Amino acid sequence: MVSFADRAATPTHVLVRILDRESVLLNLETEQYFGLDETGTRMWQLVTGAPNIDAAYQELLAEFDVEPELLRSNLTELLTRLVDSGLLQVLPADVGTAPAI
């Protein structure tokens, strides 16, 4: 289950190549790959660069003319498929970050 409070990261065994605003993700362990169109690639870029999935979702809402619930559903479906294929890790937002003092 993908929680928007969590953050997403690219596993070390995944190779990502972007060409002409589309991308291919390759799991080097299973040789399974996944192609993303322009919108999916933008989702990937924001999700893997944001402090949590919700921050990426908010940025996507600002960039695209889409109903919020449709975007949430599409983003959740994409992330779930990528996690199930071993192409994305979803971690608690505070894992791997320095604690606040």
PDB file of N, CA and C in Angstrom:
ATOM      1  N   MET A   1       0.839  -1.189   0.000  1.00  0.00           N
ATOM      2  CA  MET A   1       0.000   0.000   0.000  1.00  0.00           C
ATOM      3  C   MET A   1       0.879   1.245   0.000  1.00  0.00           C
ATOM      4  N   VAL A   2       0.616   2.143  -0.897  1.00  0.00           N
ATOM      5  CA  VAL A   2       1.378   3.379  -1.021  1.00  0.00           C
ATOM      6  C   VAL A   2       0.708   4.462  -0.185  1.00  0.00           C
ATOM      7  N   SER A   3       1.478   5.050   0.730  1.00  0.00           N
ATOM      8  CA  SER A   3       0.992   6.168   1.533  1.00  0.00           C
ATOM      9  C   SER A   3       1.651   7.445   1.023  1.00  0.00           C
ATOM     10  N   PHE A   4       0.869   8.488   0.858  1.00  0.00           N
ATOM     11  CA  PHE A   4       1.411   9.746   0.346  1.00  0.00           C
ATOM     12  C   PHE A   4       2.305  10.433   1.378  1.00  0.00           C
ATOM     13  N   ALA A   5       2.308   9.955   2.631  1.00  0.00           N
ATOM     14  CA  ALA A   5       3.213  10.496   3.643  1.00  0.00           C
ATOM     15  C   ALA A   5       4.618   9.920   3.481  1.00  0.00           C
ATOM     16  N   ASP A   6       4.735   8.803   2.777  1.00  0.00           N
ATOM     17  CA  ASP A   6       6.031   8.150   2.567  1.00  0.00           C
ATOM     18  C   ASP A   6       6.801   8.839   1.453  1.00  0.00           C
ATOM     19  N   ARG A   7       8.046   8.429   1.282  1.00  0.00           N
ATOM     20  CA  ARG A   7       8.849   8.948   0.176  1.00  0.00           C
ATOM     21  C   ARG A   7       9.213   7.793  -0.736  1.00  0.00           C
ATOM     22  N   ALA A   8       9.534   8.126  -1.975  1.00  0.00           N
ATOM     23  CA  ALA A   8       9.888   7.117  -2.972  1.00  0.00           C
ATOM     24  C   ALA A   8      11.364   7.253  -3.319  1.00  0.00           C
ATOM     25  N   ALA A   9      11.991   6.120  -3.603  1.00  0.00           N
ATOM     26  CA  ALA A   9      13.406   6.116  -3.969  1.00  0.00           C
ATOM     27  C   ALA A   9      13.635   5.076  -5.055  1.00  0.00           C
ATOM     28  N   THR A  10      14.654   5.326  -5.857  1.00  0.00           N
ATOM     29  CA  THR A  10      15.040   4.388  -6.901  1.00  0.00           C
ATOM     30  C   THR A  10      15.978   3.355  -6.278  1.00  0.00           C
ATOM     31  N   PRO A  11      15.636   2.070  -6.338  1.00  0.00           N
ATOM     32  CA  PRO A  11      16.545   1.048  -5.814  1.00  0.00           C
ATOM     33  C   PRO A  11      17.873   1.050  -6.587  1.00  0.00           C
ATOM     34  N   THR A  12      18.933   0.598  -5.933  1.00  0.00           N
ATOM     35  CA  THR A  12      20.246   0.592  -6.572  1.00  0.00           C
ATOM     36  C   THR A  12      20.316  -0.347  -7.767  1.00  0.00           C
ATOM     37  N   HIS A  13      19.431  -1.329  -7.819  1.00  0.00           N
ATOM     38  CA  HIS A  13      19.449  -2.297  -8.922  1.00  0.00           C
ATOM     39  C   HIS A  13      18.549  -1.876 -10.101  1.00  0.00           C
ATOM     40  N   VAL A  14      18.139  -0.608 -10.113  1.00  0.00           N
ATOM     41  CA  VAL A  14      17.274  -0.118 -11.185  1.00  0.00           C
ATOM     42  C   VAL A  14      18.021   0.938 -12.002  1.00  0.00           C
ATOM     43  N   LEU A  15      18.004   0.734 -13.291  1.00  0.00           N
ATOM     44  CA  LEU A  15      18.606   1.655 -14.245  1.00  0.00           C
ATOM     45  C   LEU A  15      17.484   2.465 -14.892  1.00  0.00           C
ATOM     46  N   VAL A  16      17.648   3.783 -14.927  1.00  0.00           N
ATOM     47  CA  VAL A  16      16.632   4.666 -15.499  1.00  0.00           C
ATOM     48  C   VAL A  16      17.270   5.460 -16.631  1.00  0.00           C
ATOM     49  N   ARG A  17      16.623   5.463 -17.787  1.00  0.00           N
ATOM     50  CA  ARG A  17      17.084   6.251 -18.928  1.00  0.00           C
ATOM     51  C   ARG A  17      15.914   7.075 -19.451  1.00  0.00           C
ATOM     52  N   ILE A  18      16.156   8.378 -19.602  1.00  0.00           N
ATOM     53  CA  ILE A  18      15.135   9.292 -20.114  1.00  0.00           C
ATOM     54  C   ILE A  18      15.563   9.749 -21.490  1.00  0.00           C
ATOM     55  N   LEU A  19      14.627   9.657 -22.442  1.00  0.00           N
ATOM     56  CA  LEU A  19      14.894  10.071 -23.811  1.00  0.00           C
ATOM     57  C   LEU A  19      13.646  10.757 -24.359  1.00  0.00           C
ATOM     58  N   ASP A  20      13.800  11.999 -24.795  1.00  0.00           N
ATOM     59  CA  ASP A  20      12.675  12.747 -25.352  1.00  0.00           C
ATOM     60  C   ASP A  20      11.459  12.763 -24.428  1.00  0.00           C
ATOM     61  N   ARG A  21      11.685  13.014 -23.155  1.00  0.00           N
ATOM     62  CA  ARG A  21      10.641  13.150 -22.132  1.00  0.00           C
ATOM     63  C   ARG A  21       9.896  11.845 -21.834  1.00  0.00           C
ATOM     64  N   GLU A  22      10.359  10.729 -22.351  1.00  0.00           N
ATOM     65  CA  GLU A  22       9.838   9.415 -21.971  1.00  0.00           C
ATOM     66  C   GLU A  22      10.980   8.665 -21.300  1.00  0.00           C
ATOM     67  N   SER A  23      10.671   7.583 -20.611  1.00  0.00           N
ATOM     68  CA  SER A  23      11.734   6.884 -19.903  1.00  0.00           C
ATOM     69  C   SER A  23      11.514   5.373 -19.905  1.00  0.00           C
ATOM     70  N   VAL A  24      12.603   4.683 -19.631  1.00  0.00           N
ATOM     71  CA  VAL A  24      12.586   3.237 -19.459  1.00  0.00           C
ATOM     72  C   VAL A  24      13.263   2.940 -18.132  1.00  0.00           C
ATOM     73  N   LEU A  25      12.620   2.105 -17.323  1.00  0.00           N
ATOM     74  CA  LEU A  25      13.171   1.660 -16.054  1.00  0.00           C
ATOM     75  C   LEU A  25      13.482   0.177 -16.193  1.00  0.00           C
ATOM     76  N   LEU A  26      14.693  -0.225 -15.833  1.00  0.00           N
ATOM     77  CA  LEU A  26      15.109  -1.620 -15.963  1.00  0.00           C
ATOM     78  C   LEU A  26      15.565  -2.140 -14.617  1.00  0.00           C
ATOM     79  N   ASN A  27      14.947  -3.227 -14.169  1.00  0.00           N
ATOM     80  CA  ASN A  27      15.373  -3.920 -12.958  1.00  0.00           C
ATOM     81  C   ASN A  27      16.504  -4.851 -13.378  1.00  0.00           C
ATOM     82  N   LEU A  28      17.735  -4.548 -12.982  1.00  0.00           N
ATOM     83  CA  LEU A  28      18.899  -5.325 -13.395  1.00  0.00           C
ATOM     84  C   LEU A  28      18.909  -6.729 -12.786  1.00  0.00           C
ATOM     85  N   GLU A  29      18.196  -6.938 -11.697  1.00  0.00           N
ATOM     86  CA  GLU A  29      18.144  -8.253 -11.053  1.00  0.00           C
ATOM     87  C   GLU A  29      17.189  -9.205 -11.772  1.00  0.00           C
ATOM     88  N   THR A  30      16.048  -8.688 -12.221  1.00  0.00           N
ATOM     89  CA  THR A  30      15.037  -9.545 -12.843  1.00  0.00           C
ATOM     90  C   THR A  30      14.953  -9.361 -14.354  1.00  0.00           C
ATOM     91  N   GLU A  31      15.640  -8.348 -14.859  1.00  0.00           N
ATOM     92  CA  GLU A  31      15.600  -7.965 -16.271  1.00  0.00           C
ATOM     93  C   GLU A  31      14.205  -7.523 -16.707  1.00  0.00           C
ATOM     94  N   GLN A  32      13.359  -7.195 -15.765  1.00  0.00           N
ATOM     95  CA  GLN A  32      12.030  -6.669 -16.064  1.00  0.00           C
ATOM     96  C   GLN A  32      12.153  -5.172 -16.307  1.00  0.00           C
ATOM     97  N   TYR A  33      11.478  -4.687 -17.351  1.00  0.00           N
ATOM     98  CA  TYR A  33      11.534  -3.260 -17.633  1.00  0.00           C
ATOM     99  C   TYR A  33      10.136  -2.688 -17.764  1.00  0.00           C
ATOM    100  N   PHE A  34      10.091  -1.373 -17.695  1.00  0.00           N
ATOM    101  CA  PHE A  34       8.819  -0.662 -17.687  1.00  0.00           C
ATOM    102  C   PHE A  34       9.028   0.642 -18.434  1.00  0.00           C
ATOM    103  N   GLY A  35       8.211   0.920 -19.420  1.00  0.00           N
ATOM    104  CA  GLY A  35       8.291   2.176 -20.172  1.00  0.00           C
ATOM    105  C   GLY A  35       7.286   3.171 -19.645  1.00  0.00           C
ATOM    106  N   LEU A  36       7.710   4.421 -19.537  1.00  0.00           N
ATOM    107  CA  LEU A  36       6.831   5.487 -19.073  1.00  0.00           C
ATOM    108  C   LEU A  36       6.685   6.541 -20.162  1.00  0.00           C
ATOM    109  N   ASP A  37       5.450   6.987 -20.392  1.00  0.00           N
ATOM    110  CA  ASP A  37       5.223   8.081 -21.335  1.00  0.00           C
ATOM    111  C   ASP A  37       5.629   9.397 -20.665  1.00  0.00           C
ATOM    112  N   GLU A  38       5.375  10.502 -21.331  1.00  0.00           N
ATOM    113  CA  GLU A  38       5.793  11.804 -20.816  1.00  0.00           C
ATOM    114  C   GLU A  38       5.202  12.101 -19.436  1.00  0.00           C
ATOM    115  N   THR A  39       3.927  11.816 -19.250  1.00  0.00           N
ATOM    116  CA  THR A  39       3.282  12.078 -17.964  1.00  0.00           C
ATOM    117  C   THR A  39       3.827  11.158 -16.881  1.00  0.00           C
ATOM    118  N   GLY A  40       3.973   9.881 -17.183  1.00  0.00           N
ATOM    119  CA  GLY A  40       4.529   8.938 -16.216  1.00  0.00           C
ATOM    120  C   GLY A  40       5.958   9.290 -15.839  1.00  0.00           C
ATOM    121  N   THR A  41       6.723   9.750 -16.820  1.00  0.00           N
ATOM    122  CA  THR A  41       8.104  10.167 -16.551  1.00  0.00           C
ATOM    123  C   THR A  41       8.131  11.360 -15.616  1.00  0.00           C
ATOM    124  N   ARG A  42       7.228  12.323 -15.832  1.00  0.00           N
ATOM    125  CA  ARG A  42       7.177  13.490 -14.937  1.00  0.00           C
ATOM    126  C   ARG A  42       6.777  13.059 -13.530  1.00  0.00           C
ATOM    127  N   MET A  43       5.834  12.140 -13.424  1.00  0.00           N
ATOM    128  CA  MET A  43       5.452  11.619 -12.110  1.00  0.00           C
ATOM    129  C   MET A  43       6.667  10.993 -11.432  1.00  0.00           C
ATOM    130  N   TRP A  44       7.405  10.163 -12.170  1.00  0.00           N
ATOM    131  CA  TRP A  44       8.600   9.495 -11.644  1.00  0.00           C
ATOM    132  C   TRP A  44       9.616  10.534 -11.146  1.00  0.00           C
ATOM    133  N   GLN A  45       9.886  11.544 -11.962  1.00  0.00           N
ATOM    134  CA  GLN A  45      10.872  12.556 -11.598  1.00  0.00           C
ATOM    135  C   GLN A  45      10.489  13.271 -10.307  1.00  0.00           C
ATOM    136  N   LEU A  46       9.238  13.673 -10.206  1.00  0.00           N
ATOM    137  CA  LEU A  46       8.806  14.401  -9.016  1.00  0.00           C
ATOM    138  C   LEU A  46       8.765  13.506  -7.787  1.00  0.00           C
ATOM    139  N   VAL A  47       8.257  12.310  -7.930  1.00  0.00           N
ATOM    140  CA  VAL A  47       8.125  11.405  -6.781  1.00  0.00           C
ATOM    141  C   VAL A  47       9.491  11.015  -6.225  1.00  0.00           C
ATOM    142  N   THR A  48      10.449  10.746  -7.095  1.00  0.00           N
ATOM    143  CA  THR A  48      11.764  10.323  -6.608  1.00  0.00           C
ATOM    144  C   THR A  48      12.616  11.499  -6.135  1.00  0.00           C
ATOM    145  N   GLY A  49      12.206  12.721  -6.421  1.00  0.00           N
ATOM    146  CA  GLY A  49      12.959  13.885  -5.984  1.00  0.00           C
ATOM    147  C   GLY A  49      12.340  14.642  -4.827  1.00  0.00           C
ATOM    148  N   ALA A  50      11.131  14.285  -4.462  1.00  0.00           N
ATOM    149  CA  ALA A  50      10.404  15.013  -3.416  1.00  0.00           C
ATOM    150  C   ALA A  50      10.665  14.411  -2.034  1.00  0.00           C
ATOM    151  N   PRO A  51      10.480  15.204  -0.985  1.00  0.00           N
ATOM    152  CA  PRO A  51      10.659  14.680   0.374  1.00  0.00           C
ATOM    153  C   PRO A  51       9.602  13.640   0.753  1.00  0.00           C
ATOM    154  N   ASN A  52       8.449  13.692   0.091  1.00  0.00           N
ATOM    155  CA  ASN A  52       7.417  12.664   0.276  1.00  0.00           C
ATOM    156  C   ASN A  52       6.508  12.662  -0.956  1.00  0.00           C
ATOM    157  N   ILE A  53       5.697  11.634  -1.074  1.00  0.00           N
ATOM    158  CA  ILE A  53       4.850  11.478  -2.250  1.00  0.00           C
ATOM    159  C   ILE A  53       3.810  12.589  -2.321  1.00  0.00           C
ATOM    160  N   ASP A  54       3.321  13.042  -1.175  1.00  0.00           N
ATOM    161  CA  ASP A  54       2.326  14.103  -1.198  1.00  0.00           C
ATOM    162  C   ASP A  54       2.890  15.393  -1.797  1.00  0.00           C
ATOM    163  N   ALA A  55       4.142  15.723  -1.533  1.00  0.00           N
ATOM    164  CA  ALA A  55       4.755  16.926  -2.117  1.00  0.00           C
ATOM    165  C   ALA A  55       4.797  16.807  -3.641  1.00  0.00           C
ATOM    166  N   ALA A  56       5.112  15.618  -4.137  1.00  0.00           N
ATOM    167  CA  ALA A  56       5.114  15.391  -5.588  1.00  0.00           C
ATOM    168  C   ALA A  56       3.696  15.507  -6.137  1.00  0.00           C
ATOM    169  N   TYR A  57       2.728  14.954  -5.433  1.00  0.00           N
ATOM    170  CA  TYR A  57       1.321  15.034  -5.834  1.00  0.00           C
ATOM    171  C   TYR A  57       0.878  16.498  -5.937  1.00  0.00           C
ATOM    172  N   GLN A  58       1.237  17.308  -4.955  1.00  0.00           N
ATOM    173  CA  GLN A  58       0.858  18.728  -4.970  1.00  0.00           C
ATOM    174  C   GLN A  58       1.487  19.445  -6.164  1.00  0.00           C
ATOM    175  N   GLU A  59       2.738  19.117  -6.476  1.00  0.00           N
ATOM    176  CA  GLU A  59       3.405  19.721  -7.629  1.00  0.00           C
ATOM    177  C   GLU A  59       2.729  19.290  -8.928  1.00  0.00           C
ATOM    178  N   LEU A  60       2.354  18.022  -9.017  1.00  0.00           N
ATOM    179  CA  LEU A  60       1.649  17.526 -10.204  1.00  0.00           C
ATOM    180  C   LEU A  60       0.301  18.221 -10.373  1.00  0.00           C
ATOM    181  N   LEU A  61      -0.403  18.456  -9.266  1.00  0.00           N
ATOM    182  CA  LEU A  61      -1.675  19.187  -9.338  1.00  0.00           C
ATOM    183  C   LEU A  61      -1.471  20.586  -9.904  1.00  0.00           C
ATOM    184  N   ALA A  62      -0.365  21.226  -9.550  1.00  0.00           N
ATOM    185  CA  ALA A  62      -0.077  22.569 -10.048  1.00  0.00           C
ATOM    186  C   ALA A  62       0.315  22.554 -11.528  1.00  0.00           C
ATOM    187  N   GLU A  63       0.946  21.484 -11.977  1.00  0.00           N
ATOM    188  CA  GLU A  63       1.433  21.402 -13.360  1.00  0.00           C
ATOM    189  C   GLU A  63       0.386  20.936 -14.363  1.00  0.00           C
ATOM    190  N   PHE A  64      -0.507  20.044 -13.934  1.00  0.00           N
ATOM    191  CA  PHE A  64      -1.451  19.435 -14.860  1.00  0.00           C
ATOM    192  C   PHE A  64      -2.883  19.863 -14.561  1.00  0.00           C
ATOM    193  N   ASP A  65      -3.677  19.993 -15.607  1.00  0.00           N
ATOM    194  CA  ASP A  65      -5.095  20.310 -15.476  1.00  0.00           C
ATOM    195  C   ASP A  65      -5.846  18.989 -15.328  1.00  0.00           C
ATOM    196  N   VAL A  66      -6.003  18.556 -14.081  1.00  0.00           N
ATOM    197  CA  VAL A  66      -6.595  17.246 -13.797  1.00  0.00           C
ATOM    198  C   VAL A  66      -7.369  17.329 -12.487  1.00  0.00           C
ATOM    199  N   GLU A  67      -8.405  16.524 -12.402  1.00  0.00           N
ATOM    200  CA  GLU A  67      -9.161  16.429 -11.156  1.00  0.00           C
ATOM    201  C   GLU A  67      -8.274  15.787 -10.083  1.00  0.00           C
ATOM    202  N   PRO A  68      -8.254  16.342  -8.875  1.00  0.00           N
ATOM    203  CA  PRO A  68      -7.383  15.818  -7.822  1.00  0.00           C
ATOM    204  C   PRO A  68      -7.545  14.321  -7.560  1.00  0.00           C
ATOM    205  N   GLU A  69      -8.776  13.826  -7.508  1.00  0.00           N
ATOM    206  CA  GLU A  69      -8.984  12.402  -7.214  1.00  0.00           C
ATOM    207  C   GLU A  69      -8.503  11.507  -8.354  1.00  0.00           C
ATOM    208  N   LEU A  70      -8.643  11.957  -9.593  1.00  0.00           N
ATOM    209  CA  LEU A  70      -8.151  11.191 -10.730  1.00  0.00           C
ATOM    210  C   LEU A  70      -6.627  11.121 -10.687  1.00  0.00           C
ATOM    211  N   LEU A  71      -5.976  12.238 -10.393  1.00  0.00           N
ATOM    212  CA  LEU A  71      -4.519  12.246 -10.278  1.00  0.00           C
ATOM    213  C   LEU A  71      -4.071  11.338  -9.149  1.00  0.00           C
ATOM    214  N   ARG A  72      -4.719  11.427  -8.015  1.00  0.00           N
ATOM    215  CA  ARG A  72      -4.350  10.578  -6.865  1.00  0.00           C
ATOM    216  C   ARG A  72      -4.479   9.103  -7.243  1.00  0.00           C
ATOM    217  N   SER A  73      -5.560   8.754  -7.914  1.00  0.00           N
ATOM    218  CA  SER A  73      -5.780   7.373  -8.324  1.00  0.00           C
ATOM    219  C   SER A  73      -4.719   6.911  -9.322  1.00  0.00           C
ATOM    220  N   ASN A  74      -4.443   7.737 -10.338  1.00  0.00           N
ATOM    221  CA  ASN A  74      -3.445   7.372 -11.350  1.00  0.00           C
ATOM    222  C   ASN A  74      -2.048   7.271 -10.758  1.00  0.00           C
ATOM    223  N   LEU A  75      -1.696   8.200  -9.881  1.00  0.00           N
ATOM    224  CA  LEU A  75      -0.378   8.176  -9.251  1.00  0.00           C
ATOM    225  C   LEU A  75      -0.235   6.950  -8.356  1.00  0.00           C
ATOM    226  N   THR A  76      -1.256   6.656  -7.587  1.00  0.00           N
ATOM    227  CA  THR A  76      -1.223   5.475  -6.718  1.00  0.00           C
ATOM    228  C   THR A  76      -1.077   4.203  -7.545  1.00  0.00           C
ATOM    229  N   GLU A  77      -1.823   4.097  -8.639  1.00  0.00           N
ATOM    230  CA  GLU A  77      -1.740   2.915  -9.496  1.00  0.00           C
ATOM    231  C   GLU A  77      -0.338   2.760 -10.086  1.00  0.00           C
ATOM    232  N   LEU A  78       0.238   3.846 -10.594  1.00  0.00           N
ATOM    233  CA  LEU A  78       1.578   3.786 -11.165  1.00  0.00           C
ATOM    234  C   LEU A  78       2.599   3.366 -10.117  1.00  0.00           C
ATOM    235  N   LEU A  79       2.572   4.009  -8.967  1.00  0.00           N
ATOM    236  CA  LEU A  79       3.540   3.684  -7.924  1.00  0.00           C
ATOM    237  C   LEU A  79       3.399   2.249  -7.449  1.00  0.00           C
ATOM    238  N   THR A  80       2.180   1.773  -7.313  1.00  0.00           N
ATOM    239  CA  THR A  80       1.949   0.385  -6.891  1.00  0.00           C
ATOM    240  C   THR A  80       2.529  -0.589  -7.910  1.00  0.00           C
ATOM    241  N   ARG A  81       2.319  -0.324  -9.193  1.00  0.00           N
ATOM    242  CA  ARG A  81       2.864  -1.201 -10.242  1.00  0.00           C
ATOM    243  C   ARG A  81       4.390  -1.192 -10.226  1.00  0.00           C
ATOM    244  N   LEU A  82       4.980  -0.015 -10.027  1.00  0.00           N
ATOM    245  CA  LEU A  82       6.436   0.078  -9.993  1.00  0.00           C
ATOM    246  C   LEU A  82       7.017  -0.637  -8.769  1.00  0.00           C
ATOM    247  N   VAL A  83       6.378  -0.482  -7.622  1.00  0.00           N
ATOM    248  CA  VAL A  83       6.823  -1.181  -6.408  1.00  0.00           C
ATOM    249  C   VAL A  83       6.698  -2.687  -6.601  1.00  0.00           C
ATOM    250  N   ASP A  84       5.574  -3.138  -7.142  1.00  0.00           N
ATOM    251  CA  ASP A  84       5.356  -4.569  -7.365  1.00  0.00           C
ATOM    252  C   ASP A  84       6.369  -5.164  -8.342  1.00  0.00           C
ATOM    253  N   SER A  85       6.896  -4.336  -9.250  1.00  0.00           N
ATOM    254  CA  SER A  85       7.886  -4.791 -10.227  1.00  0.00           C
ATOM    255  C   SER A  85       9.321  -4.622  -9.724  1.00  0.00           C
ATOM    256  N   GLY A  86       9.482  -4.143  -8.498  1.00  0.00           N
ATOM    257  CA  GLY A  86      10.815  -3.938  -7.943  1.00  0.00           C
ATOM    258  C   GLY A  86      11.546  -2.754  -8.545  1.00  0.00           C
ATOM    259  N   LEU A  87      10.796  -1.828  -9.147  1.00  0.00           N
ATOM    260  CA  LEU A  87      11.398  -0.676  -9.814  1.00  0.00           C
ATOM    261  C   LEU A  87      11.359   0.592  -8.963  1.00  0.00           C
ATOM    262  N   LEU A  88      10.738   0.510  -7.798  1.00  0.00           N
ATOM    263  CA  LEU A  88      10.616   1.661  -6.915  1.00  0.00           C
ATOM    264  C   LEU A  88      10.514   1.158  -5.483  1.00  0.00           C
ATOM    265  N   GLN A  89      11.115   1.906  -4.566  1.00  0.00           N
ATOM    266  CA  GLN A  89      10.990   1.615  -3.139  1.00  0.00           C
ATOM    267  C   GLN A  89      10.154   2.727  -2.513  1.00  0.00           C
ATOM    268  N   VAL A  90       9.282   2.370  -1.600  1.00  0.00           N
ATOM    269  CA  VAL A  90       8.533   3.346  -0.836  1.00  0.00           C
ATOM    270  C   VAL A  90       8.949   3.167   0.615  1.00  0.00           C
ATOM    271  N   LEU A  91       9.464   4.264   1.199  1.00  0.00           N
ATOM    272  CA  LEU A  91      10.024   4.236   2.539  1.00  0.00           C
ATOM    273  C   LEU A  91       9.343   5.295   3.404  1.00  0.00           C
ATOM    274  N   PRO A  92       9.323   5.089   4.720  1.00  0.00           N
ATOM    275  CA  PRO A  92       8.822   6.160   5.578  1.00  0.00           C
ATOM    276  C   PRO A  92       9.622   7.436   5.324  1.00  0.00           C
ATOM    277  N   ALA A  93       8.974   8.565   5.340  1.00  0.00           N
ATOM    278  CA  ALA A  93       9.609   9.840   4.988  1.00  0.00           C
ATOM    279  C   ALA A  93      10.821  10.155   5.839  1.00  0.00           C
ATOM    280  N   ASP A  94      10.863   9.653   7.085  1.00  0.00           N
ATOM    281  CA  ASP A  94      11.974  10.001   7.978  1.00  0.00           C
ATOM    282  C   ASP A  94      13.116   8.982   7.949  1.00  0.00           C
ATOM    283  N   VAL A  95      13.012   7.906   7.194  1.00  0.00           N
ATOM    284  CA  VAL A  95      14.073   6.906   7.117  1.00  0.00           C
ATOM    285  C   VAL A  95      15.181   7.424   6.211  1.00  0.00           C
ATOM    286  N   GLY A  96      16.402   7.374   6.714  1.00  0.00           N
ATOM    287  CA  GLY A  96      17.538   7.806   5.920  1.00  0.00           C
ATOM    288  C   GLY A  96      17.767   9.299   5.939  1.00  0.00           C
ATOM    289  N   THR A  97      17.043  10.003   6.789  1.00  0.00           N
ATOM    290  CA  THR A  97      17.236  11.439   6.903  1.00  0.00           C
ATOM    291  C   THR A  97      17.814  11.740   8.272  1.00  0.00           C
ATOM    292  N   ALA A  98      18.514  12.836   8.392  1.00  0.00           N
ATOM    293  CA  ALA A  98      19.104  13.226   9.675  1.00  0.00           C
ATOM    294  C   ALA A  98      18.006  13.687  10.631  1.00  0.00           C
ATOM    295  N   PRO A  99      18.107  13.297  11.896  1.00  0.00           N
ATOM    296  CA  PRO A  99      17.084  13.728  12.855  1.00  0.00           C
ATOM    297  C   PRO A  99      17.200  15.227  13.128  1.00  0.00           C
ATOM    298  N   ALA A 100      16.074  15.833  13.415  1.00  0.00           N
ATOM    299  CA  ALA A 100      16.051  17.267  13.764  1.00  0.00           C
ATOM    300  C   ALA A 100      16.581  17.442  15.182  1.00  0.00           C
ATOM    301  N   ILE A 101      17.271  18.536  15.397  1.00  0.00           N
ATOM    302  CA  ILE A 101      17.841  18.802  16.736  1.00  0.00           C
ATOM    303  C   ILE A 101      16.991  19.805  17.450  1.00  0.00           C
TER     304      ILE A 101
END
